Amino acid sequence: MDLKQLQYFTCVAELGSFTRASNTLNIAQPALSRQIRMLEVELRQNLLIRNGRGVSMTEAGKVLLEHSLGILHQVERVKEELGKVRGAMAGHVVVGLPPSLLKVLAVPLTKTFRARLPNASLSICEGLSVTMHEALVAGRLDVALLYNVIPSAEVETFPLLEEELFLMTARFDDAPDSITLRDVAGTPLIIPSRPNSIRMLVESELANIGCRPHIELEIDGVSAILELVADGYGSAVLTRSAVTSLADASRFTVRKIVEPVLSSKLAMAISLRHPATLTQQLFIDLIREHIREWLGYPSET
């Protein structure tokens, strides 16, 4: 077997689909299938089973995947160590950012990354926390910033910050500074569909006080939600940073939610199935640094 075959097999196994893997690897599906078949013939084992939903692994495939992840990781570490010897740290990092942070962090992160790791490459993806959690476990992301992440044996998280949630409405005068959660229940909301992290948090906290949300519209996109709120179609429950980073804050009335106070917890997450390479570890430090700067904290020395 060769490393390229292991890479192809790992991609198909983790994505559960030859079609998705061929798109990710930028290789024709027949050629990809041929390489996997050659690997199966060499190992004299069936590794994958095709079904109506894609592919699943045989027991032999599960064993090979476990070893393949370790082998490919060690290869990346060797490349990085050799690059370090010649003074040129190389490697690749794929990071996932939620929409409210993409605009704030993507550009400064990229500039710092290029300045400090000129021979490494960076990919930044935008996504909802639930989707990015799945991508992290599957190996499609190396690092992700997730809101209200559910503890998992497959993912390690590092708390970064806790942001209070506010009720956003179209601008009007003489609005009180706060609103109780019970009153939020009677407010027509424009809110993302499940399993958006804030949607799940709002529903859970309302259920705790015996209420349900009044959902006017389900929209999966913070920018679109804010535009509809500004035009008076309903209200939204969001963090203040979502408004300041994605819209003109002067168009909105922002009221703190109380009794109880609602907060959204942001954490950095990495997969425990795919140990971080040296380049990824350095990038994780960069994220911490930029989060501190965004919050207005002095840089750590």
C-alpha atoms as a PDB file:
ATOM      1  CA  MET A   1       0.000   0.000   0.000  1.00  0.00           C
ATOM      2  CA  ASP A   2       1.089   3.622  -0.445  1.00  0.00           C
ATOM      3  CA  LEU A   3       0.270   6.798   1.440  1.00  0.00           C
ATOM      4  CA  LYS A   4      -1.996   8.156  -1.285  1.00  0.00           C
ATOM      5  CA  GLN A   5      -4.185   5.048  -1.084  1.00  0.00           C
ATOM      6  CA  LEU A   6      -4.405   5.452   2.696  1.00  0.00           C
ATOM      7  CA  GLN A   7      -5.345   9.103   2.250  1.00  0.00           C
ATOM      8  CA  TYR A   8      -8.038   8.186  -0.283  1.00  0.00           C
ATOM      9  CA  PHE A   9      -9.419   5.416   1.915  1.00  0.00           C
ATOM     10  CA  THR A  10      -9.473   7.648   4.998  1.00  0.00           C
ATOM     11  CA  CYS A  11     -11.343  10.390   3.142  1.00  0.00           C
ATOM     12  CA  VAL A  12     -13.995   7.985   1.790  1.00  0.00           C
ATOM     13  CA  ALA A  13     -14.390   6.276   5.179  1.00  0.00           C
ATOM     14  CA  GLU A  14     -14.785   9.528   7.116  1.00  0.00           C
ATOM     15  CA  LEU A  15     -17.132  11.188   4.616  1.00  0.00           C
ATOM     16  CA  GLY A  16     -19.097   7.974   4.060  1.00  0.00           C
ATOM     17  CA  SER A  17     -19.348   8.630   0.336  1.00  0.00           C
ATOM     18  CA  PHE A  18     -17.234   8.142  -2.790  1.00  0.00           C
ATOM     19  CA  THR A  19     -18.932  11.158  -4.370  1.00  0.00           C
ATOM     20  CA  ARG A  20     -18.135  13.546  -1.507  1.00  0.00           C
ATOM     21  CA  ALA A  21     -14.607  12.150  -1.213  1.00  0.00           C
ATOM     22  CA  SER A  22     -13.922  12.589  -4.943  1.00  0.00           C
ATOM     23  CA  ASN A  23     -15.036  16.226  -4.701  1.00  0.00           C
ATOM     24  CA  THR A  24     -12.911  16.817  -1.602  1.00  0.00           C
ATOM     25  CA  LEU A  25      -9.838  15.133  -3.097  1.00  0.00           C
ATOM     26  CA  ASN A  26     -10.422  16.611  -6.562  1.00  0.00           C
ATOM     27  CA  ILE A  27     -10.105  13.205  -8.207  1.00  0.00           C
ATOM     28  CA  ALA A  28     -12.500  11.449 -10.588  1.00  0.00           C
ATOM     29  CA  GLN A  29     -14.742   8.963  -8.826  1.00  0.00           C
ATOM     30  CA  PRO A  30     -13.759   5.968 -11.061  1.00  0.00           C
ATOM     31  CA  ALA A  31     -10.075   6.619 -10.333  1.00  0.00           C
ATOM     32  CA  LEU A  32     -10.823   6.889  -6.618  1.00  0.00           C
ATOM     33  CA  SER A  33     -12.788   3.618  -6.650  1.00  0.00           C
ATOM     34  CA  ARG A  34      -9.951   1.919  -8.528  1.00  0.00           C
ATOM     35  CA  GLN A  35      -7.382   2.989  -5.918  1.00  0.00           C
ATOM     36  CA  ILE A  36      -9.563   1.722  -3.068  1.00  0.00           C
ATOM     37  CA  ARG A  37     -10.099  -1.572  -4.869  1.00  0.00           C
ATOM     38  CA  MET A  38      -6.341  -1.955  -5.394  1.00  0.00           C
ATOM     39  CA  LEU A  39      -5.860  -1.435  -1.667  1.00  0.00           C
ATOM     40  CA  GLU A  40      -8.478  -4.074  -0.874  1.00  0.00           C
ATOM     41  CA  VAL A  41      -6.841  -6.552  -3.258  1.00  0.00           C
ATOM     42  CA  GLU A  42      -3.414  -5.960  -1.714  1.00  0.00           C
ATOM     43  CA  LEU A  43      -4.761  -6.408   1.828  1.00  0.00           C
ATOM     44  CA  ARG A  44      -7.055  -9.262   0.757  1.00  0.00           C
ATOM     45  CA  GLN A  45      -9.855  -7.660   2.758  1.00  0.00           C
ATOM     46  CA  ASN A  46     -13.087  -5.865   1.907  1.00  0.00           C
ATOM     47  CA  LEU A  47     -12.808  -2.440   3.531  1.00  0.00           C
ATOM     48  CA  LEU A  48     -15.970  -0.643   2.464  1.00  0.00           C
ATOM     49  CA  ILE A  49     -19.562  -1.695   1.788  1.00  0.00           C
ATOM     50  CA  ARG A  50     -21.626   0.374  -0.639  1.00  0.00           C
ATOM     51  CA  ASN A  51     -25.241   1.029   0.352  1.00  0.00           C
ATOM     52  CA  GLY A  52     -28.065   3.307  -0.706  1.00  0.00           C
ATOM     53  CA  ARG A  53     -26.840   6.134   1.527  1.00  0.00           C
ATOM     54  CA  GLY A  54     -23.144   5.909   0.608  1.00  0.00           C
ATOM     55  CA  VAL A  55     -20.595   3.532   2.129  1.00  0.00           C
ATOM     56  CA  SER A  56     -19.960   1.952   5.506  1.00  0.00           C
ATOM     57  CA  MET A  57     -16.823   0.268   6.843  1.00  0.00           C
ATOM     58  CA  THR A  58     -16.305  -3.411   7.426  1.00  0.00           C
ATOM     59  CA  GLU A  59     -14.533  -4.505  10.594  1.00  0.00           C
ATOM     60  CA  ALA A  60     -11.310  -4.616   8.599  1.00  0.00           C
ATOM     61  CA  GLY A  61     -12.018  -1.112   7.352  1.00  0.00           C
ATOM     62  CA  LYS A  62     -12.461   0.170  10.915  1.00  0.00           C
ATOM     63  CA  VAL A  63      -9.114  -1.323  11.919  1.00  0.00           C
ATOM     64  CA  LEU A  64      -7.384   0.202   8.887  1.00  0.00           C
ATOM     65  CA  LEU A  65      -8.947   3.618   9.500  1.00  0.00           C
ATOM     66  CA  GLU A  66      -7.644   3.687  13.053  1.00  0.00           C
ATOM     67  CA  HIS A  67      -4.109   2.920  11.866  1.00  0.00           C
ATOM     68  CA  SER A  68      -4.375   5.190   8.812  1.00  0.00           C
ATOM     69  CA  LEU A  69      -5.178   8.228  10.940  1.00  0.00           C
ATOM     70  CA  GLY A  70      -2.075   7.645  13.017  1.00  0.00           C
ATOM     71  CA  ILE A  71       0.145   6.984   9.989  1.00  0.00           C
ATOM     72  CA  LEU A  72      -1.022  10.092   8.093  1.00  0.00           C
ATOM     73  CA  HIS A  73      -0.651  12.208  11.223  1.00  0.00           C
ATOM     74  CA  GLN A  74       2.918  10.991  11.720  1.00  0.00           C
ATOM     75  CA  VAL A  75       3.733  11.771   8.086  1.00  0.00           C
ATOM     76  CA  GLU A  76       2.527  15.343   8.607  1.00  0.00           C
ATOM     77  CA  ARG A  77       4.601  15.603  11.772  1.00  0.00           C
ATOM     78  CA  VAL A  78       7.714  14.396   9.896  1.00  0.00           C
ATOM     79  CA  LYS A  79       7.152  16.996   7.154  1.00  0.00           C
ATOM     80  CA  GLU A  80       6.775  19.712   9.756  1.00  0.00           C
ATOM     81  CA  GLU A  81       9.847  18.621  11.708  1.00  0.00           C
ATOM     82  CA  LEU A  82      11.925  18.628   8.526  1.00  0.00           C
ATOM     83  CA  GLY A  83      10.556  22.035   7.627  1.00  0.00           C
ATOM     84  CA  LYS A  84      11.438  23.256  11.104  1.00  0.00           C
ATOM     85  CA  VAL A  85      15.036  22.085  10.618  1.00  0.00           C
ATOM     86  CA  ARG A  86      15.380  24.208   7.492  1.00  0.00           C
ATOM     87  CA  GLY A  87      13.620  27.118   9.222  1.00  0.00           C
ATOM     88  CA  ALA A  88      10.389  26.894   7.231  1.00  0.00           C
ATOM     89  CA  MET A  89       7.467  25.519   9.250  1.00  0.00           C
ATOM     90  CA  ALA A  90       5.008  24.026   6.752  1.00  0.00           C
ATOM     91  CA  GLY A  91       1.648  22.387   7.153  1.00  0.00           C
ATOM     92  CA  HIS A  92      -2.043  22.960   6.552  1.00  0.00           C
ATOM     93  CA  VAL A  93      -4.802  24.099   8.901  1.00  0.00           C
ATOM     94  CA  VAL A  94      -8.553  24.071   8.244  1.00  0.00           C
ATOM     95  CA  VAL A  95     -10.510  26.178  10.732  1.00  0.00           C
ATOM     96  CA  GLY A  96     -14.270  26.632  11.123  1.00  0.00           C
ATOM     97  CA  LEU A  97     -15.760  29.924  12.312  1.00  0.00           C
ATOM     98  CA  PRO A  98     -19.396  30.821  13.094  1.00  0.00           C
ATOM     99  CA  PRO A  99     -20.903  33.603  10.935  1.00  0.00           C
ATOM    100  CA  SER A 100     -20.841  36.202  13.741  1.00  0.00           C
ATOM    101  CA  LEU A 101     -17.074  35.761  14.171  1.00  0.00           C
ATOM    102  CA  LEU A 102     -16.030  35.236  10.554  1.00  0.00           C
ATOM    103  CA  LYS A 103     -16.094  38.945   9.728  1.00  0.00           C
ATOM    104  CA  VAL A 104     -14.304  39.856  12.961  1.00  0.00           C
ATOM    105  CA  LEU A 105     -11.548  37.234  12.989  1.00  0.00           C
ATOM    106  CA  ALA A 106     -10.979  35.913   9.462  1.00  0.00           C
ATOM    107  CA  VAL A 107      -8.860  38.791   8.129  1.00  0.00           C
ATOM    108  CA  PRO A 108      -6.654  39.406  11.200  1.00  0.00           C
ATOM    109  CA  LEU A 109      -6.148  35.663  11.693  1.00  0.00           C
ATOM    110  CA  THR A 110      -5.107  35.227   8.076  1.00  0.00           C
ATOM    111  CA  LYS A 111      -2.687  38.176   8.170  1.00  0.00           C
ATOM    112  CA  THR A 112      -1.012  36.970  11.364  1.00  0.00           C
ATOM    113  CA  PHE A 113      -0.863  33.392  10.062  1.00  0.00           C
ATOM    114  CA  ARG A 114       0.824  34.476   6.829  1.00  0.00           C
ATOM    115  CA  ALA A 115       3.279  36.688   8.725  1.00  0.00           C
ATOM    116  CA  ARG A 116       4.329  34.012  11.210  1.00  0.00           C
ATOM    117  CA  LEU A 117       3.926  30.855   9.088  1.00  0.00           C
ATOM    118  CA  PRO A 118       4.636  31.963   5.489  1.00  0.00           C
ATOM    119  CA  ASN A 119       5.234  28.399   4.277  1.00  0.00           C
ATOM    120  CA  ALA A 120       2.050  26.956   5.794  1.00  0.00           C
ATOM    121  CA  SER A 121      -1.434  27.080   4.268  1.00  0.00           C
ATOM    122  CA  LEU A 122      -4.751  28.048   5.851  1.00  0.00           C
ATOM    123  CA  SER A 123      -8.382  27.345   4.933  1.00  0.00           C
ATOM    124  CA  ILE A 124     -11.241  29.106   6.734  1.00  0.00           C
ATOM    125  CA  CYS A 125     -14.782  27.727   6.570  1.00  0.00           C
ATOM    126  CA  GLU A 126     -18.016  29.295   7.806  1.00  0.00           C
ATOM    127  CA  GLY A 127     -20.667  27.182   9.476  1.00  0.00           C
ATOM    128  CA  LEU A 128     -23.114  26.612  12.297  1.00  0.00           C
ATOM    129  CA  SER A 129     -21.776  25.035  15.466  1.00  0.00           C
ATOM    130  CA  VAL A 130     -23.583  21.707  15.066  1.00  0.00           C
ATOM    131  CA  THR A 131     -22.390  21.285  11.481  1.00  0.00           C
ATOM    132  CA  MET A 132     -18.822  22.237  12.371  1.00  0.00           C
ATOM    133  CA  HIS A 133     -18.818  19.808  15.304  1.00  0.00           C
ATOM    134  CA  GLU A 134     -19.644  16.979  12.887  1.00  0.00           C
ATOM    135  CA  ALA A 135     -16.960  18.162  10.448  1.00  0.00           C
ATOM    136  CA  LEU A 136     -14.426  18.267  13.265  1.00  0.00           C
ATOM    137  CA  VAL A 137     -15.156  14.686  14.299  1.00  0.00           C
ATOM    138  CA  ALA A 138     -15.006  13.554  10.648  1.00  0.00           C
ATOM    139  CA  GLY A 139     -11.622  15.205  10.150  1.00  0.00           C
ATOM    140  CA  ARG A 140     -12.779  17.861   7.667  1.00  0.00           C
ATOM    141  CA  LEU A 141     -11.857  20.597  10.165  1.00  0.00           C
ATOM    142  CA  ASP A 142      -8.757  20.789  12.340  1.00  0.00           C
ATOM    143  CA  VAL A 143      -9.984  23.532  14.680  1.00  0.00           C
ATOM    144  CA  ALA A 144     -13.398  25.136  15.174  1.00  0.00           C
ATOM    145  CA  LEU A 145     -14.945  27.859  17.300  1.00  0.00           C
ATOM    146  CA  LEU A 146     -18.257  26.502  18.572  1.00  0.00           C
ATOM    147  CA  TYR A 147     -21.124  28.005  20.543  1.00  0.00           C
ATOM    148  CA  ASN A 148     -22.733  26.000  23.356  1.00  0.00           C
ATOM    149  CA  VAL A 149     -20.941  22.809  22.378  1.00  0.00           C
ATOM    150  CA  ILE A 150     -22.229  19.598  23.947  1.00  0.00           C
ATOM    151  CA  PRO A 151     -19.480  17.604  25.710  1.00  0.00           C
ATOM    152  CA  SER A 152     -18.263  14.714  23.575  1.00  0.00           C
ATOM    153  CA  ALA A 153     -15.720  11.934  23.957  1.00  0.00           C
ATOM    154  CA  GLU A 154     -14.491  12.708  20.435  1.00  0.00           C
ATOM    155  CA  VAL A 155     -13.851  16.433  20.865  1.00  0.00           C
ATOM    156  CA  GLU A 156     -11.763  18.429  23.325  1.00  0.00           C
ATOM    157  CA  THR A 157     -12.947  21.964  24.064  1.00  0.00           C
ATOM    158  CA  PHE A 158     -11.273  25.018  25.563  1.00  0.00           C
ATOM    159  CA  PRO A 159     -13.612  27.771  26.865  1.00  0.00           C
ATOM    160  CA  LEU A 160     -12.904  31.167  25.322  1.00  0.00           C
ATOM    161  CA  LEU A 161     -15.675  33.520  26.380  1.00  0.00           C
ATOM    162  CA  GLU A 162     -19.279  33.815  27.493  1.00  0.00           C
ATOM    163  CA  GLU A 163     -21.531  36.330  25.722  1.00  0.00           C
ATOM    164  CA  GLU A 164     -24.878  37.499  27.050  1.00  0.00           C
ATOM    165  CA  LEU A 165     -27.879  37.218  24.742  1.00  0.00           C
ATOM    166  CA  PHE A 166     -30.062  40.195  23.879  1.00  0.00           C
ATOM    167  CA  LEU A 167     -33.427  40.729  22.244  1.00  0.00           C
ATOM    168  CA  MET A 168     -32.942  42.665  19.017  1.00  0.00           C
ATOM    169  CA  THR A 169     -35.866  44.663  17.648  1.00  0.00           C
ATOM    170  CA  ALA A 170     -36.282  47.395  15.056  1.00  0.00           C
ATOM    171  CA  ARG A 171     -35.203  50.753  16.457  1.00  0.00           C
ATOM    172  CA  PHE A 172     -37.751  52.535  18.636  1.00  0.00           C
ATOM    173  CA  ASP A 173     -37.468  55.209  21.346  1.00  0.00           C
ATOM    174  CA  ASP A 174     -38.021  54.885  25.094  1.00  0.00           C
ATOM    175  CA  ALA A 175     -37.409  51.120  25.098  1.00  0.00           C
ATOM    176  CA  PRO A 176     -36.521  49.620  28.493  1.00  0.00           C
ATOM    177  CA  ASP A 177     -32.965  48.369  28.861  1.00  0.00           C
ATOM    178  CA  SER A 178     -34.034  44.801  29.629  1.00  0.00           C
ATOM    179  CA  ILE A 179     -36.815  42.286  29.075  1.00  0.00           C
ATOM    180  CA  THR A 180     -37.665  39.172  31.064  1.00  0.00           C
ATOM    181  CA  LEU A 181     -37.399  35.783  29.438  1.00  0.00           C
ATOM    182  CA  ARG A 182     -41.122  35.251  30.098  1.00  0.00           C
ATOM    183  CA  ASP A 183     -41.892  38.363  28.059  1.00  0.00           C
ATOM    184  CA  VAL A 184     -39.595  37.129  25.303  1.00  0.00           C
ATOM    185  CA  ALA A 185     -41.898  34.094  25.020  1.00  0.00           C
ATOM    186  CA  GLY A 186     -44.690  36.399  23.847  1.00  0.00           C
ATOM    187  CA  THR A 187     -42.527  38.202  21.301  1.00  0.00           C
ATOM    188  CA  PRO A 188     -42.669  37.118  17.610  1.00  0.00           C
ATOM    189  CA  LEU A 189     -39.189  35.807  16.898  1.00  0.00           C
ATOM    190  CA  ILE A 190     -37.141  35.407  13.753  1.00  0.00           C
ATOM    191  CA  ILE A 191     -34.895  32.511  14.663  1.00  0.00           C
ATOM    192  CA  PRO A 192     -32.726  29.863  12.976  1.00  0.00           C
ATOM    193  CA  SER A 193     -34.062  26.333  12.556  1.00  0.00           C
ATOM    194  CA  ARG A 194     -32.954  23.476  14.771  1.00  0.00           C
ATOM    195  CA  PRO A 195     -30.273  22.455  15.673  1.00  0.00           C
ATOM    196  CA  ASN A 196     -28.847  25.991  15.786  1.00  0.00           C
ATOM    197  CA  SER A 197     -27.147  26.440  19.179  1.00  0.00           C
ATOM    198  CA  ILE A 198     -28.934  29.662  20.158  1.00  0.00           C
ATOM    199  CA  ARG A 199     -32.298  28.257  19.021  1.00  0.00           C
ATOM    200  CA  MET A 200     -31.773  25.191  21.216  1.00  0.00           C
ATOM    201  CA  LEU A 201     -30.681  27.335  24.173  1.00  0.00           C
ATOM    202  CA  VAL A 202     -33.711  29.636  23.914  1.00  0.00           C
ATOM    203  CA  GLU A 203     -36.146  26.726  23.673  1.00  0.00           C
ATOM    204  CA  SER A 204     -34.502  24.942  26.604  1.00  0.00           C
ATOM    205  CA  GLU A 205     -34.518  27.992  28.889  1.00  0.00           C
ATOM    206  CA  LEU A 206     -38.136  28.824  27.993  1.00  0.00           C
ATOM    207  CA  ALA A 207     -39.160  25.235  28.720  1.00  0.00           C
ATOM    208  CA  ASN A 208     -37.585  25.594  32.169  1.00  0.00           C
ATOM    209  CA  ILE A 209     -40.119  28.327  33.000  1.00  0.00           C
ATOM    210  CA  GLY A 210     -43.034  26.540  31.322  1.00  0.00           C
ATOM    211  CA  CYS A 211     -43.064  28.605  28.098  1.00  0.00           C
ATOM    212  CA  ARG A 212     -42.552  28.099  24.387  1.00  0.00           C
ATOM    213  CA  PRO A 213     -41.158  30.579  21.841  1.00  0.00           C
ATOM    214  CA  HIS A 214     -43.473  32.427  19.486  1.00  0.00           C
ATOM    215  CA  ILE A 215     -41.691  31.732  16.197  1.00  0.00           C
ATOM    216  CA  GLU A 216     -42.667  34.101  13.432  1.00  0.00           C
ATOM    217  CA  LEU A 217     -40.032  33.061  10.875  1.00  0.00           C
ATOM    218  CA  GLU A 218     -37.270  30.457  10.663  1.00  0.00           C
ATOM    219  CA  ILE A 219     -34.248  31.853   8.843  1.00  0.00           C
ATOM    220  CA  ASP A 220     -30.830  30.187   8.707  1.00  0.00           C
ATOM    221  CA  GLY A 221     -28.553  33.188   8.322  1.00  0.00           C
ATOM    222  CA  VAL A 222     -27.725  35.882  10.863  1.00  0.00           C
ATOM    223  CA  SER A 223     -27.380  38.654   8.272  1.00  0.00           C
ATOM    224  CA  ALA A 224     -30.810  37.858   6.812  1.00  0.00           C
ATOM    225  CA  ILE A 225     -32.333  37.675  10.300  1.00  0.00           C
ATOM    226  CA  LEU A 226     -30.974  41.110  11.191  1.00  0.00           C
ATOM    227  CA  GLU A 227     -32.241  42.631   7.946  1.00  0.00           C
ATOM    228  CA  LEU A 228     -35.749  41.304   8.602  1.00  0.00           C
ATOM    229  CA  VAL A 229     -35.629  42.502  12.212  1.00  0.00           C
ATOM    230  CA  ALA A 230     -34.587  45.996  11.101  1.00  0.00           C
ATOM    231  CA  ASP A 231     -37.544  46.028   8.675  1.00  0.00           C
ATOM    232  CA  GLY A 232     -39.960  45.172  11.501  1.00  0.00           C
ATOM    233  CA  TYR A 233     -40.837  41.550  10.679  1.00  0.00           C
ATOM    234  CA  GLY A 234     -40.039  40.324  14.184  1.00  0.00           C
ATOM    235  CA  SER A 235     -37.374  40.221  16.870  1.00  0.00           C
ATOM    236  CA  ALA A 236     -34.266  38.082  17.311  1.00  0.00           C
ATOM    237  CA  VAL A 237     -32.256  36.657  20.182  1.00  0.00           C
ATOM    238  CA  LEU A 238     -28.569  37.155  19.430  1.00  0.00           C
ATOM    239  CA  THR A 239     -25.273  38.206  20.947  1.00  0.00           C
ATOM    240  CA  ARG A 240     -24.338  41.881  20.763  1.00  0.00           C
ATOM    241  CA  SER A 241     -21.273  40.971  18.673  1.00  0.00           C
ATOM    242  CA  ALA A 242     -23.546  39.494  15.994  1.00  0.00           C
ATOM    243  CA  VAL A 243     -25.132  42.902  15.477  1.00  0.00           C
ATOM    244  CA  THR A 244     -21.945  44.938  15.641  1.00  0.00           C
ATOM    245  CA  SER A 245     -20.085  42.652  13.242  1.00  0.00           C
ATOM    246  CA  LEU A 246     -22.828  42.003  10.669  1.00  0.00           C
ATOM    247  CA  ALA A 247     -25.092  45.060  10.634  1.00  0.00           C
ATOM    248  CA  ASP A 248     -25.520  48.746  11.443  1.00  0.00           C
ATOM    249  CA  ALA A 249     -26.218  48.716  15.189  1.00  0.00           C
ATOM    250  CA  SER A 250     -28.041  52.069  15.018  1.00  0.00           C
ATOM    251  CA  ARG A 251     -30.957  50.340  13.249  1.00  0.00           C
ATOM    252  CA  PHE A 252     -31.756  48.213  16.309  1.00  0.00           C
ATOM    253  CA  THR A 253     -32.974  48.445  19.871  1.00  0.00           C
ATOM    254  CA  VAL A 254     -30.973  46.027  21.998  1.00  0.00           C
ATOM    255  CA  ARG A 255     -32.428  44.795  25.298  1.00  0.00           C
ATOM    256  CA  LYS A 256     -30.746  42.499  27.768  1.00  0.00           C
ATOM    257  CA  ILE A 257     -32.677  39.322  28.591  1.00  0.00           C
ATOM    258  CA  VAL A 258     -33.096  38.825  32.352  1.00  0.00           C
ATOM    259  CA  GLU A 259     -34.835  36.514  34.823  1.00  0.00           C
ATOM    260  CA  PRO A 260     -32.810  34.545  33.956  1.00  0.00           C
ATOM    261  CA  VAL A 261     -29.899  36.094  32.097  1.00  0.00           C
ATOM    262  CA  LEU A 262     -29.145  34.078  28.962  1.00  0.00           C
ATOM    263  CA  SER A 263     -25.596  33.614  27.771  1.00  0.00           C
ATOM    264  CA  SER A 264     -23.930  31.832  24.879  1.00  0.00           C
ATOM    265  CA  LYS A 265     -20.618  30.093  25.558  1.00  0.00           C
ATOM    266  CA  LEU A 266     -17.907  30.126  22.909  1.00  0.00           C
ATOM    267  CA  ALA A 267     -15.252  27.402  22.947  1.00  0.00           C
ATOM    268  CA  MET A 268     -12.374  26.341  20.749  1.00  0.00           C
ATOM    269  CA  ALA A 269     -12.623  22.676  19.790  1.00  0.00           C
ATOM    270  CA  ILE A 270     -10.224  20.117  18.350  1.00  0.00           C
ATOM    271  CA  SER A 271     -10.790  16.475  17.486  1.00  0.00           C
ATOM    272  CA  LEU A 272      -9.390  13.844  19.820  1.00  0.00           C
ATOM    273  CA  ARG A 273      -9.331  11.415  16.875  1.00  0.00           C
ATOM    274  CA  HIS A 274      -6.917  13.633  14.920  1.00  0.00           C
ATOM    275  CA  PRO A 275      -4.101  14.923  17.168  1.00  0.00           C
ATOM    276  CA  ALA A 276      -2.992  18.462  16.359  1.00  0.00           C
ATOM    277  CA  THR A 277       0.157  18.904  14.276  1.00  0.00           C
ATOM    278  CA  LEU A 278       2.786  21.513  15.190  1.00  0.00           C
ATOM    279  CA  THR A 279       1.319  23.978  12.695  1.00  0.00           C
ATOM    280  CA  GLN A 280      -2.163  23.456  14.092  1.00  0.00           C
ATOM    281  CA  GLN A 281      -0.907  23.935  17.649  1.00  0.00           C
ATOM    282  CA  LEU A 282       0.664  27.247  16.667  1.00  0.00           C
ATOM    283  CA  PHE A 283      -2.567  28.281  14.995  1.00  0.00           C
ATOM    284  CA  ILE A 284      -4.519  27.446  18.157  1.00  0.00           C
ATOM    285  CA  ASP A 285      -2.270  29.892  20.014  1.00  0.00           C
ATOM    286  CA  LEU A 286      -3.033  32.522  17.357  1.00  0.00           C
ATOM    287  CA  ILE A 287      -6.776  32.081  17.902  1.00  0.00           C
ATOM    288  CA  ARG A 288      -6.386  32.610  21.644  1.00  0.00           C
ATOM    289  CA  GLU A 289      -4.312  35.714  20.973  1.00  0.00           C
ATOM    290  CA  HIS A 290      -6.861  37.250  18.605  1.00  0.00           C
ATOM    291  CA  ILE A 291      -9.800  36.440  20.879  1.00  0.00           C
ATOM    292  CA  ARG A 292      -8.031  38.322  23.667  1.00  0.00           C
ATOM    293  CA  GLU A 293      -7.426  41.291  21.377  1.00  0.00           C
ATOM    294  CA  TRP A 294     -11.060  41.241  20.238  1.00  0.00           C
ATOM    295  CA  LEU A 295     -12.182  41.360  23.871  1.00  0.00           C
ATOM    296  CA  GLY A 296      -9.777  44.203  24.574  1.00  0.00           C
ATOM    297  CA  TYR A 297      -7.446  42.230  26.840  1.00  0.00           C
ATOM    298  CA  PRO A 298      -3.678  42.882  26.739  1.00  0.00           C
ATOM    299  CA  SER A 299      -1.578  40.320  24.887  1.00  0.00           C
ATOM    300  CA  GLU A 300      -0.086  37.553  27.021  1.00  0.00           C
ATOM    301  CA  THR A 301       3.688  37.572  27.308  1.00  0.00           C
END
